[in-house]
Amino acid sequence: MSWLRCSACKRDLDFGAAHWVCSVSTCNRHSTNYKFCSVSCWDSHVATLRHRDAWAVEARAPSKQAYDLERDLTTTAELRTPAQRAVSAAAATGTTPPGLPAVRSPGAAEPARRMVPPPVAGPAPSSVKLEPAGDDDILIVVSRLKKYIRDRSGMNTADSVAEALSHHVRALCDDAIRTAGTDNRRTVLDRDVAKLARK
């Protein structure tokens, strides 16, 4: 079994045998891959392609074992998925293909790892100190309160109801202030106000 055939005279080129190739790079591509058994065969090739500046370069065919190994590797590479080929290429060059985890070449030193200490929990927010306020203030618009009760039921409303409701409003406000303080906020938001079930 021969390695290749001469591109000019078609004579067999044996494994490990000397042969000649053209110095022009386009003659050595995978699609052309010209190999010649002698300088005279190379010379006929030059006359056909009319190279202006070329010479014959002596080369040696691979051994049968090296050829079989290269062919097996090429066949295996062709059967790989694009992602597998990208990983193999990255391993050979020491780079990382886009969208894939970092590839470390065999024998390469382990990259230095930087230890990041866990976050230290800060102190719990202190409870908000509530300053004294006028507990006798009416926080309800009495006219709106009476109108609401009248529209809803046709009933009248005593003036003392506004005071009782103001007491409840103050308690809701105090709880909302404490909730905002727990979040280290200086603004009381609507979500801080406890939701009451409405029947």
N, C-alpha and C. Protein backbone atom coordinates (compact mmCIF):
# COMPACT_ATOMS: atom_id res chain seq x y z
N MET A 1 0.85 -1.20 0.00
CA MET A 1 0.00 0.00 0.00
C MET A 1 0.88 1.23 0.00
N SER A 2 0.61 2.16 -0.90
CA SER A 2 1.42 3.37 -1.02
C SER A 2 0.77 4.53 -0.27
N TRP A 3 1.55 5.57 -0.08
CA TRP A 3 1.06 6.77 0.63
C TRP A 3 0.21 7.61 -0.30
N LEU A 4 0.78 8.10 -1.40
CA LEU A 4 0.07 8.89 -2.41
C LEU A 4 0.62 8.54 -3.77
N ARG A 5 0.10 9.22 -4.77
CA ARG A 5 0.62 9.07 -6.12
C ARG A 5 1.20 10.40 -6.59
N CYS A 6 2.18 10.31 -7.44
CA CYS A 6 2.80 11.51 -8.00
C CYS A 6 1.73 12.29 -8.78
N SER A 7 1.70 13.59 -8.56
CA SER A 7 0.67 14.42 -9.20
C SER A 7 0.90 14.57 -10.69
N ALA A 8 2.10 14.22 -11.18
CA ALA A 8 2.40 14.36 -12.61
C ALA A 8 2.33 13.01 -13.33
N CYS A 9 3.16 12.04 -12.88
CA CYS A 9 3.22 10.76 -13.59
C CYS A 9 2.39 9.67 -12.96
N LYS A 10 1.78 9.93 -11.81
CA LYS A 10 0.90 9.01 -11.10
C LYS A 10 1.62 7.78 -10.56
N ARG A 11 2.92 7.85 -10.42
CA ARG A 11 3.66 6.75 -9.81
C ARG A 11 3.43 6.77 -8.30
N ASP A 12 3.45 5.58 -7.69
CA ASP A 12 3.21 5.50 -6.26
C ASP A 12 4.34 6.12 -5.46
N LEU A 13 3.96 6.81 -4.40
CA LEU A 13 4.92 7.36 -3.44
C LEU A 13 4.78 6.55 -2.15
N ASP A 14 5.84 5.90 -1.74
CA ASP A 14 5.79 5.01 -0.58
C ASP A 14 5.85 5.80 0.72
N PHE A 15 5.42 5.14 1.79
CA PHE A 15 5.53 5.74 3.11
C PHE A 15 7.01 5.91 3.47
N GLY A 16 7.34 7.07 4.01
CA GLY A 16 8.71 7.35 4.42
C GLY A 16 9.65 7.68 3.28
N ALA A 17 9.16 7.71 2.05
CA ALA A 17 10.04 7.97 0.90
C ALA A 17 10.19 9.46 0.67
N ALA A 18 11.31 9.83 0.03
CA ALA A 18 11.55 11.23 -0.31
C ALA A 18 10.71 11.60 -1.52
N HIS A 19 10.24 12.82 -1.56
CA HIS A 19 9.49 13.33 -2.70
C HIS A 19 9.71 14.83 -2.75
N TRP A 20 9.09 15.49 -3.73
CA TRP A 20 9.26 16.94 -3.89
C TRP A 20 7.91 17.63 -3.91
N VAL A 21 7.91 18.82 -3.37
CA VAL A 21 6.71 19.65 -3.38
C VAL A 21 7.07 21.00 -3.98
N CYS A 22 6.04 21.74 -4.42
CA CYS A 22 6.26 23.04 -5.04
C CYS A 22 6.38 24.11 -3.95
N SER A 23 7.26 25.07 -4.16
CA SER A 23 7.44 26.15 -3.18
C SER A 23 6.28 27.13 -3.16
N VAL A 24 5.42 27.10 -4.17
CA VAL A 24 4.28 28.00 -4.21
C VAL A 24 3.21 27.50 -3.23
N SER A 25 2.76 28.38 -2.32
CA SER A 25 1.86 27.95 -1.25
C SER A 25 0.52 27.41 -1.76
N THR A 26 0.03 27.98 -2.86
CA THR A 26 -1.28 27.52 -3.36
C THR A 26 -1.22 26.08 -3.85
N CYS A 27 -0.03 25.57 -4.14
CA CYS A 27 0.10 24.19 -4.59
C CYS A 27 0.10 23.20 -3.43
N ASN A 28 0.14 23.70 -2.21
CA ASN A 28 0.21 22.83 -1.04
C ASN A 28 -1.05 22.88 -0.19
N ARG A 29 -2.10 23.48 -0.71
CA ARG A 29 -3.36 23.51 0.02
C ARG A 29 -4.00 22.13 0.02
N HIS A 30 -5.01 21.99 0.90
CA HIS A 30 -5.70 20.70 1.00
C HIS A 30 -6.39 20.34 -0.31
N SER A 31 -6.87 21.35 -1.03
CA SER A 31 -7.59 21.08 -2.28
C SER A 31 -6.66 20.71 -3.42
N THR A 32 -5.40 21.13 -3.35
CA THR A 32 -4.44 20.81 -4.42
C THR A 32 -3.48 19.71 -3.96
N ASN A 33 -2.68 19.99 -2.94
CA ASN A 33 -1.79 19.00 -2.33
C ASN A 33 -0.94 18.26 -3.36
N TYR A 34 -0.20 19.03 -4.18
CA TYR A 34 0.64 18.44 -5.21
C TYR A 34 1.87 17.79 -4.58
N LYS A 35 2.15 16.53 -4.98
CA LYS A 35 3.34 15.80 -4.56
C LYS A 35 3.99 15.21 -5.81
N PHE A 36 5.32 15.25 -5.86
CA PHE A 36 6.03 14.80 -7.07
C PHE A 36 7.12 13.81 -6.68
N CYS A 37 7.26 12.78 -7.53
CA CYS A 37 8.25 11.75 -7.25
C CYS A 37 9.65 12.17 -7.67
N SER A 38 9.77 13.16 -8.55
CA SER A 38 11.08 13.61 -9.01
C SER A 38 11.02 15.08 -9.37
N VAL A 39 12.22 15.66 -9.56
CA VAL A 39 12.28 17.07 -9.94
C VAL A 39 11.73 17.28 -11.35
N SER A 40 11.91 16.28 -12.20
CA SER A 40 11.40 16.41 -13.56
C SER A 40 9.87 16.46 -13.58
N CYS A 41 9.23 15.69 -12.69
CA CYS A 41 7.77 15.75 -12.61
C CYS A 41 7.34 17.11 -12.09
N TRP A 42 8.09 17.61 -11.10
CA TRP A 42 7.77 18.97 -10.61
C TRP A 42 7.94 19.99 -11.71
N ASP A 43 8.96 19.83 -12.55
CA ASP A 43 9.24 20.79 -13.62
C ASP A 43 8.10 20.80 -14.64
N SER A 44 7.53 19.64 -14.91
CA SER A 44 6.38 19.61 -15.83
C SER A 44 5.17 20.32 -15.23
N HIS A 45 5.05 20.22 -13.92
CA HIS A 45 3.98 20.92 -13.22
C HIS A 45 4.17 22.43 -13.34
N VAL A 46 5.41 22.92 -13.20
CA VAL A 46 5.68 24.35 -13.31
C VAL A 46 5.35 24.85 -14.70
N ALA A 47 5.68 24.05 -15.70
CA ALA A 47 5.38 24.46 -17.08
C ALA A 47 3.88 24.54 -17.31
N THR A 48 3.11 23.66 -16.66
CA THR A 48 1.66 23.67 -16.85
C THR A 48 1.01 24.87 -16.17
N LEU A 49 1.43 25.15 -14.95
CA LEU A 49 0.81 26.24 -14.18
C LEU A 49 1.52 27.58 -14.40
N ARG A 50 2.65 27.56 -15.08
CA ARG A 50 3.37 28.79 -15.45
C ARG A 50 3.72 29.65 -14.23
N HIS A 51 4.33 29.01 -13.25
CA HIS A 51 4.81 29.76 -12.10
C HIS A 51 5.95 30.67 -12.53
N ARG A 52 5.96 31.91 -12.09
CA ARG A 52 7.04 32.83 -12.42
C ARG A 52 8.28 32.61 -11.58
N ASP A 53 8.08 32.31 -10.31
CA ASP A 53 9.21 32.13 -9.40
C ASP A 53 8.88 30.97 -8.47
N ALA A 54 9.43 29.80 -8.76
CA ALA A 54 9.14 28.62 -7.96
C ALA A 54 10.34 27.69 -7.98
N TRP A 55 10.40 26.81 -6.99
CA TRP A 55 11.45 25.82 -6.93
C TRP A 55 10.91 24.57 -6.25
N ALA A 56 11.63 23.47 -6.47
CA ALA A 56 11.22 22.20 -5.88
C ALA A 56 11.81 22.08 -4.48
N VAL A 57 10.98 21.66 -3.54
CA VAL A 57 11.40 21.50 -2.15
C VAL A 57 11.32 20.02 -1.80
N GLU A 58 12.46 19.47 -1.33
CA GLU A 58 12.47 18.05 -0.97
C GLU A 58 11.75 17.85 0.35
N ALA A 59 10.95 16.81 0.41
CA ALA A 59 10.20 16.47 1.62
C ALA A 59 10.21 14.97 1.79
N ARG A 60 9.70 14.50 2.93
CA ARG A 60 9.67 13.06 3.18
C ARG A 60 8.26 12.66 3.62
N ALA A 61 7.77 11.59 3.07
CA ALA A 61 6.44 11.10 3.39
C ALA A 61 6.41 10.57 4.82
N PRO A 62 5.27 10.63 5.49
CA PRO A 62 5.19 10.11 6.86
C PRO A 62 5.23 8.59 6.87
N SER A 63 5.52 8.05 8.02
CA SER A 63 5.48 6.59 8.16
C SER A 63 4.03 6.12 8.15
N LYS A 64 3.85 4.82 7.98
CA LYS A 64 2.50 4.26 7.95
C LYS A 64 1.79 4.50 9.29
N GLN A 65 2.50 4.34 10.40
CA GLN A 65 1.89 4.54 11.71
C GLN A 65 1.48 6.00 11.92
N ALA A 66 2.36 6.93 11.53
CA ALA A 66 2.04 8.35 11.69
C ALA A 66 0.88 8.75 10.80
N TYR A 67 0.82 8.20 9.59
CA TYR A 67 -0.27 8.51 8.68
C TYR A 67 -1.61 8.01 9.22
N ASP A 68 -1.62 6.76 9.75
CA ASP A 68 -2.85 6.20 10.29
C ASP A 68 -3.32 6.99 11.51
N LEU A 69 -2.38 7.40 12.36
CA LEU A 69 -2.75 8.17 13.55
C LEU A 69 -3.35 9.51 13.17
N GLU A 70 -2.72 10.20 12.19
CA GLU A 70 -3.23 11.50 11.76
C GLU A 70 -4.62 11.35 11.12
N ARG A 71 -4.81 10.30 10.36
CA ARG A 71 -6.10 10.08 9.71
C ARG A 71 -7.18 9.80 10.75
N ASP A 72 -6.85 9.01 11.78
CA ASP A 72 -7.84 8.72 12.83
C ASP A 72 -8.21 9.98 13.59
N LEU A 73 -7.20 10.80 13.88
CA LEU A 73 -7.48 12.04 14.61
C LEU A 73 -8.33 12.98 13.77
N THR A 74 -8.06 13.05 12.48
CA THR A 74 -8.84 13.92 11.59
C THR A 74 -10.28 13.44 11.50
N THR A 75 -10.47 12.12 11.38
CA THR A 75 -11.81 11.56 11.29
C THR A 75 -12.59 11.82 12.58
N THR A 76 -11.91 11.64 13.72
CA THR A 76 -12.56 11.89 15.00
C THR A 76 -12.95 13.35 15.14
N ALA A 77 -12.05 14.25 14.70
CA ALA A 77 -12.34 15.68 14.79
C ALA A 77 -13.52 16.07 13.92
N GLU A 78 -13.64 15.45 12.76
CA GLU A 78 -14.74 15.77 11.86
C GLU A 78 -16.08 15.31 12.43
N LEU A 79 -16.07 14.26 13.25
CA LEU A 79 -17.30 13.75 13.83
C LEU A 79 -17.71 14.51 15.08
N ARG A 80 -16.83 15.36 15.58
CA ARG A 80 -17.16 16.12 16.79
C ARG A 80 -18.15 17.22 16.48
N THR A 81 -18.87 17.62 17.51
CA THR A 81 -19.77 18.76 17.38
C THR A 81 -18.94 20.04 17.35
N PRO A 82 -19.51 21.15 16.85
CA PRO A 82 -18.77 22.41 16.85
C PRO A 82 -18.27 22.81 18.23
N ALA A 83 -19.06 22.53 19.28
CA ALA A 83 -18.63 22.88 20.63
C ALA A 83 -17.42 22.05 21.06
N GLN A 84 -17.40 20.75 20.69
CA GLN A 84 -16.26 19.90 21.03
C GLN A 84 -15.01 20.33 20.29
N ARG A 85 -15.17 20.73 19.03
CA ARG A 85 -13.99 21.21 18.28
C ARG A 85 -13.46 22.50 18.85
N ALA A 86 -14.38 23.37 19.32
CA ALA A 86 -13.94 24.62 19.93
C ALA A 86 -13.16 24.37 21.20
N VAL A 87 -13.60 23.39 22.00
CA VAL A 87 -12.90 23.06 23.23
C VAL A 87 -11.52 22.50 22.92
N SER A 88 -11.41 21.65 21.92
CA SER A 88 -10.12 21.08 21.55
C SER A 88 -9.16 22.16 21.06
N ALA A 89 -9.67 23.08 20.25
CA ALA A 89 -8.83 24.17 19.76
C ALA A 89 -8.39 25.07 20.90
N ALA A 90 -9.29 25.31 21.84
CA ALA A 90 -8.95 26.15 22.98
C ALA A 90 -7.90 25.49 23.85
N ALA A 91 -8.00 24.18 24.03
CA ALA A 91 -7.02 23.47 24.83
C ALA A 91 -5.64 23.51 24.20
N ALA A 92 -5.61 23.48 22.86
CA ALA A 92 -4.33 23.52 22.17
C ALA A 92 -3.68 24.89 22.22
N THR A 93 -4.49 25.94 22.23
CA THR A 93 -3.95 27.31 22.21
C THR A 93 -3.94 27.97 23.57
N GLY A 94 -4.61 27.35 24.55
CA GLY A 94 -4.64 27.96 25.88
C GLY A 94 -5.65 29.07 26.02
N THR A 95 -6.59 29.15 25.08
CA THR A 95 -7.61 30.19 25.14
C THR A 95 -8.93 29.58 25.56
N THR A 96 -9.92 30.42 25.71
CA THR A 96 -11.25 29.97 26.11
C THR A 96 -12.24 30.33 25.02
N PRO A 97 -12.96 29.35 24.43
CA PRO A 97 -13.95 29.67 23.41
C PRO A 97 -15.11 30.45 23.98
N PRO A 98 -15.71 31.37 23.20
CA PRO A 98 -16.84 32.16 23.72
C PRO A 98 -18.00 31.27 24.12
N GLY A 99 -18.61 31.60 25.27
CA GLY A 99 -19.79 30.88 25.72
C GLY A 99 -19.52 29.54 26.37
N LEU A 100 -18.21 29.17 26.52
CA LEU A 100 -17.86 27.90 27.13
C LEU A 100 -17.00 28.13 28.35
N PRO A 101 -16.97 27.19 29.30
CA PRO A 101 -16.15 27.39 30.49
C PRO A 101 -14.67 27.40 30.13
N ALA A 102 -13.88 27.98 31.02
CA ALA A 102 -12.44 28.11 30.78
C ALA A 102 -11.81 26.74 30.62
N VAL A 103 -10.87 26.65 29.65
CA VAL A 103 -10.17 25.41 29.36
C VAL A 103 -8.74 25.55 29.84
N ARG A 104 -8.28 24.59 30.63
CA ARG A 104 -6.91 24.63 31.12
C ARG A 104 -6.14 23.51 30.48
N SER A 105 -5.01 23.82 29.86
CA SER A 105 -4.19 22.83 29.20
C SER A 105 -3.63 21.85 30.22
N PRO A 106 -3.46 20.57 29.82
CA PRO A 106 -2.89 19.59 30.75
C PRO A 106 -1.50 20.04 31.20
N GLY A 107 -1.24 19.93 32.49
CA GLY A 107 0.06 20.31 33.01
C GLY A 107 0.19 21.78 33.35
N ALA A 108 -0.80 22.60 32.95
CA ALA A 108 -0.72 24.03 33.24
C ALA A 108 -0.96 24.27 34.71
N ALA A 109 -0.32 25.30 35.23
CA ALA A 109 -0.45 25.62 36.64
C ALA A 109 -1.87 26.04 36.97
N GLU A 110 -2.32 25.65 38.12
CA GLU A 110 -3.66 26.02 38.58
C GLU A 110 -3.70 27.53 38.78
N PRO A 111 -4.69 28.22 38.21
CA PRO A 111 -4.74 29.67 38.39
C PRO A 111 -4.93 30.04 39.86
N ALA A 112 -4.31 31.14 40.23
CA ALA A 112 -4.40 31.59 41.62
C ALA A 112 -5.83 31.95 41.95
N ARG A 113 -6.24 31.54 43.12
CA ARG A 113 -7.60 31.81 43.55
C ARG A 113 -7.58 32.87 44.64
N ARG A 114 -8.47 33.81 44.52
CA ARG A 114 -8.57 34.89 45.50
C ARG A 114 -9.71 34.56 46.45
N MET A 115 -9.37 34.47 47.71
CA MET A 115 -10.37 34.14 48.72
C MET A 115 -11.09 35.41 49.13
N VAL A 116 -12.40 35.39 49.04
CA VAL A 116 -13.22 36.53 49.42
C VAL A 116 -13.91 36.19 50.72
N PRO A 117 -13.67 36.97 51.77
CA PRO A 117 -14.32 36.66 53.05
C PRO A 117 -15.82 36.84 52.96
N PRO A 118 -16.57 36.06 53.70
CA PRO A 118 -18.03 36.22 53.66
C PRO A 118 -18.43 37.57 54.22
N PRO A 119 -19.52 38.13 53.74
CA PRO A 119 -19.95 39.43 54.25
C PRO A 119 -20.28 39.36 55.73
N VAL A 120 -19.87 40.38 56.42
CA VAL A 120 -20.12 40.45 57.85
C VAL A 120 -21.46 41.15 58.08
N ALA A 121 -22.31 40.48 58.79
CA ALA A 121 -23.63 41.06 59.03
C ALA A 121 -23.49 42.29 59.91
N GLY A 122 -24.14 43.36 59.51
CA GLY A 122 -24.08 44.59 60.28
C GLY A 122 -24.99 44.50 61.50
N PRO A 123 -24.83 45.42 62.38
CA PRO A 123 -25.68 45.39 63.58
C PRO A 123 -27.14 45.59 63.22
N ALA A 124 -27.99 44.98 64.01
CA ALA A 124 -29.42 45.11 63.77
C ALA A 124 -29.83 46.56 63.96
N PRO A 125 -30.69 47.05 63.07
CA PRO A 125 -31.09 48.46 63.20
C PRO A 125 -31.75 48.71 64.55
N SER A 126 -31.33 49.78 65.13
CA SER A 126 -31.89 50.12 66.44
C SER A 126 -33.35 50.54 66.28
N SER A 127 -34.11 50.31 67.33
CA SER A 127 -35.51 50.69 67.29
C SER A 127 -35.64 52.21 67.24
N VAL A 128 -36.63 52.64 66.51
CA VAL A 128 -36.84 54.08 66.35
C VAL A 128 -37.42 54.65 67.64
N LYS A 129 -36.83 55.73 68.05
CA LYS A 129 -37.34 56.40 69.26
C LYS A 129 -38.50 57.31 68.87
N LEU A 130 -39.65 57.07 69.44
CA LEU A 130 -40.83 57.87 69.14
C LEU A 130 -40.90 59.06 70.10
N GLU A 131 -40.92 60.21 69.51
CA GLU A 131 -41.02 61.43 70.31
C GLU A 131 -42.46 61.65 70.76
N PRO A 132 -42.65 62.29 71.90
CA PRO A 132 -44.02 62.57 72.34
C PRO A 132 -44.73 63.52 71.38
N ALA A 133 -46.00 63.26 71.16
CA ALA A 133 -46.80 64.10 70.26
C ALA A 133 -48.13 64.38 70.93
N GLY A 134 -48.87 65.27 70.32
CA GLY A 134 -50.17 65.63 70.90
C GLY A 134 -51.16 64.51 70.74
N ASP A 135 -51.37 63.72 71.80
CA ASP A 135 -52.30 62.60 71.73
C ASP A 135 -53.76 63.06 71.71
N ASP A 136 -53.97 64.34 71.98
CA ASP A 136 -55.35 64.82 71.99
C ASP A 136 -55.78 65.38 70.64
N ASP A 137 -54.83 65.42 69.69
CA ASP A 137 -55.16 65.97 68.38
C ASP A 137 -56.12 65.04 67.64
N ILE A 138 -57.07 65.63 66.96
CA ILE A 138 -58.00 64.85 66.14
C ILE A 138 -57.38 64.71 64.74
N LEU A 139 -57.14 63.49 64.34
CA LEU A 139 -56.50 63.22 63.05
C LEU A 139 -57.51 62.91 61.96
N ILE A 140 -58.77 63.02 62.28
CA ILE A 140 -59.83 62.68 61.33
C ILE A 140 -60.55 63.95 60.92
N VAL A 141 -60.84 64.07 59.65
CA VAL A 141 -61.68 65.16 59.17
C VAL A 141 -63.12 64.80 59.54
N VAL A 142 -63.65 65.46 60.57
CA VAL A 142 -64.94 65.07 61.16
C VAL A 142 -66.06 65.16 60.14
N SER A 143 -66.08 66.22 59.35
CA SER A 143 -67.17 66.38 58.37
C SER A 143 -67.15 65.25 57.35
N ARG A 144 -65.98 64.84 56.90
CA ARG A 144 -65.89 63.72 55.93
C ARG A 144 -66.30 62.41 56.61
N LEU A 145 -65.90 62.24 57.89
CA LEU A 145 -66.28 61.03 58.61
C LEU A 145 -67.79 60.91 58.73
N LYS A 146 -68.45 61.98 59.15
CA LYS A 146 -69.90 61.95 59.32
C LYS A 146 -70.61 61.71 58.00
N LYS A 147 -70.10 62.34 56.93
CA LYS A 147 -70.72 62.15 55.60
C LYS A 147 -70.58 60.69 55.16
N TYR A 148 -69.44 60.08 55.40
CA TYR A 148 -69.23 58.69 54.98
C TYR A 148 -70.21 57.77 55.70
N ILE A 149 -70.34 57.95 57.03
CA ILE A 149 -71.25 57.09 57.78
C ILE A 149 -72.71 57.31 57.35
N ARG A 150 -73.05 58.57 57.09
CA ARG A 150 -74.42 58.86 56.65
C ARG A 150 -74.68 58.25 55.28
N ASP A 151 -73.71 58.39 54.35
CA ASP A 151 -73.92 57.84 53.00
C ASP A 151 -73.98 56.32 53.02
N ARG A 152 -73.22 55.71 53.90
CA ARG A 152 -73.18 54.25 53.94
C ARG A 152 -74.40 53.65 54.68
N SER A 153 -74.88 54.38 55.70
CA SER A 153 -75.94 53.76 56.53
C SER A 153 -77.12 54.66 56.85
N GLY A 154 -76.96 55.97 56.61
CA GLY A 154 -78.02 56.89 56.97
C GLY A 154 -77.99 57.27 58.44
N MET A 155 -76.93 56.83 59.15
CA MET A 155 -76.84 57.10 60.58
C MET A 155 -76.11 58.41 60.85
N ASN A 156 -76.33 58.95 62.05
CA ASN A 156 -75.59 60.11 62.52
C ASN A 156 -74.33 59.63 63.25
N THR A 157 -73.37 60.54 63.49
CA THR A 157 -72.10 60.19 64.13
C THR A 157 -71.84 61.13 65.30
N ALA A 158 -71.52 60.58 66.45
CA ALA A 158 -71.18 61.38 67.63
C ALA A 158 -69.78 61.95 67.46
N ASP A 159 -69.53 63.08 68.06
CA ASP A 159 -68.22 63.72 67.95
C ASP A 159 -67.11 62.89 68.58
N SER A 160 -67.42 62.07 69.58
CA SER A 160 -66.40 61.26 70.25
C SER A 160 -65.83 60.16 69.35
N VAL A 161 -66.54 59.83 68.24
CA VAL A 161 -66.02 58.79 67.33
C VAL A 161 -64.72 59.23 66.69
N ALA A 162 -64.60 60.52 66.36
CA ALA A 162 -63.38 61.03 65.73
C ALA A 162 -62.19 60.86 66.65
N GLU A 163 -62.41 61.05 67.97
CA GLU A 163 -61.31 60.89 68.93
C GLU A 163 -60.87 59.43 69.02
N ALA A 164 -61.86 58.51 69.03
CA ALA A 164 -61.52 57.08 69.10
C ALA A 164 -60.78 56.63 67.84
N LEU A 165 -61.24 57.11 66.69
CA LEU A 165 -60.56 56.74 65.44
C LEU A 165 -59.15 57.34 65.38
N SER A 166 -58.97 58.54 65.90
CA SER A 166 -57.64 59.16 65.92
C SER A 166 -56.67 58.32 66.75
N HIS A 167 -57.18 57.72 67.83
CA HIS A 167 -56.35 56.85 68.66
C HIS A 167 -55.87 55.65 67.84
N HIS A 168 -56.79 55.06 67.07
CA HIS A 168 -56.41 53.92 66.21
C HIS A 168 -55.42 54.36 65.13
N VAL A 169 -55.61 55.53 64.56
CA VAL A 169 -54.71 56.02 63.51
C VAL A 169 -53.31 56.23 64.07
N ARG A 170 -53.23 56.78 65.31
CA ARG A 170 -51.92 56.97 65.92
C ARG A 170 -51.20 55.64 66.12
N ALA A 171 -51.93 54.60 66.54
CA ALA A 171 -51.32 53.28 66.73
C ALA A 171 -50.81 52.71 65.40
N LEU A 172 -51.60 52.87 64.32
CA LEU A 172 -51.17 52.40 63.00
C LEU A 172 -49.93 53.16 62.53
N CYS A 173 -49.92 54.47 62.78
CA CYS A 173 -48.77 55.27 62.37
C CYS A 173 -47.51 54.88 63.13
N ASP A 174 -47.63 54.62 64.42
CA ASP A 174 -46.47 54.21 65.22
C ASP A 174 -45.89 52.90 64.70
N ASP A 175 -46.76 51.94 64.37
CA ASP A 175 -46.28 50.66 63.82
C ASP A 175 -45.60 50.87 62.47
N ALA A 176 -46.15 51.74 61.64
CA ALA A 176 -45.54 52.02 60.33
C ALA A 176 -44.18 52.67 60.49
N ILE A 177 -44.04 53.56 61.47
CA ILE A 177 -42.75 54.20 61.73
C ILE A 177 -41.71 53.16 62.13
N ARG A 178 -42.09 52.25 63.00
CA ARG A 178 -41.16 51.21 63.44
C ARG A 178 -40.74 50.31 62.27
N THR A 179 -41.68 49.99 61.39
CA THR A 179 -41.35 49.15 60.22
C THR A 179 -40.37 49.86 59.30
N ALA A 180 -40.57 51.14 59.04
CA ALA A 180 -39.65 51.90 58.20
C ALA A 180 -38.29 52.00 58.86
N GLY A 181 -38.25 52.18 60.20
CA GLY A 181 -36.97 52.23 60.90
C GLY A 181 -36.22 50.92 60.84
N THR A 182 -36.93 49.80 60.86
CA THR A 182 -36.28 48.50 60.74
C THR A 182 -35.58 48.36 59.39
N ASP A 183 -36.11 48.98 58.35
CA ASP A 183 -35.51 48.96 57.02
C ASP A 183 -34.50 50.08 56.82
N ASN A 184 -34.17 50.81 57.91
CA ASN A 184 -33.23 51.93 57.84
C ASN A 184 -33.68 52.99 56.84
N ARG A 185 -34.97 53.23 56.79
CA ARG A 185 -35.51 54.26 55.91
C ARG A 185 -35.96 55.45 56.74
N ARG A 186 -35.92 56.61 56.08
CA ARG A 186 -36.39 57.85 56.71
C ARG A 186 -37.76 58.26 56.19
N THR A 187 -38.37 57.38 55.41
CA THR A 187 -39.68 57.68 54.84
C THR A 187 -40.64 56.53 55.12
N VAL A 188 -41.79 56.85 55.63
CA VAL A 188 -42.83 55.85 55.85
C VAL A 188 -43.58 55.65 54.54
N LEU A 189 -43.67 54.40 54.10
CA LEU A 189 -44.33 54.08 52.85
C LEU A 189 -45.68 53.41 53.12
N ASP A 190 -46.46 53.31 52.06
CA ASP A 190 -47.78 52.70 52.22
C ASP A 190 -47.68 51.25 52.65
N ARG A 191 -46.59 50.56 52.23
CA ARG A 191 -46.45 49.15 52.61
C ARG A 191 -46.12 48.98 54.09
N ASP A 192 -45.74 50.06 54.75
CA ASP A 192 -45.46 49.98 56.20
C ASP A 192 -46.73 50.00 57.03
N VAL A 193 -47.83 50.43 56.44
CA VAL A 193 -49.09 50.53 57.17
C VAL A 193 -49.76 49.15 57.16
N ALA A 194 -50.11 48.65 58.32
CA ALA A 194 -50.74 47.34 58.44
C ALA A 194 -52.08 47.35 57.70
N LYS A 195 -52.31 46.29 56.96
CA LYS A 195 -53.57 46.17 56.21
C LYS A 195 -54.63 45.53 57.11
N LEU A 196 -55.77 46.18 57.18
CA LEU A 196 -56.88 45.69 57.97
C LEU A 196 -57.92 45.05 57.06
N ALA A 197 -58.41 43.91 57.52
CA ALA A 197 -59.44 43.22 56.73
C ALA A 197 -60.73 44.03 56.77
N ARG A 198 -61.29 44.26 55.57
CA ARG A 198 -62.52 45.03 55.50
C ARG A 198 -63.69 44.10 55.19
N LYS A 199 -64.72 44.17 56.03
CA LYS A 199 -65.86 43.27 55.86
C LYS A 199 -66.95 43.93 55.03
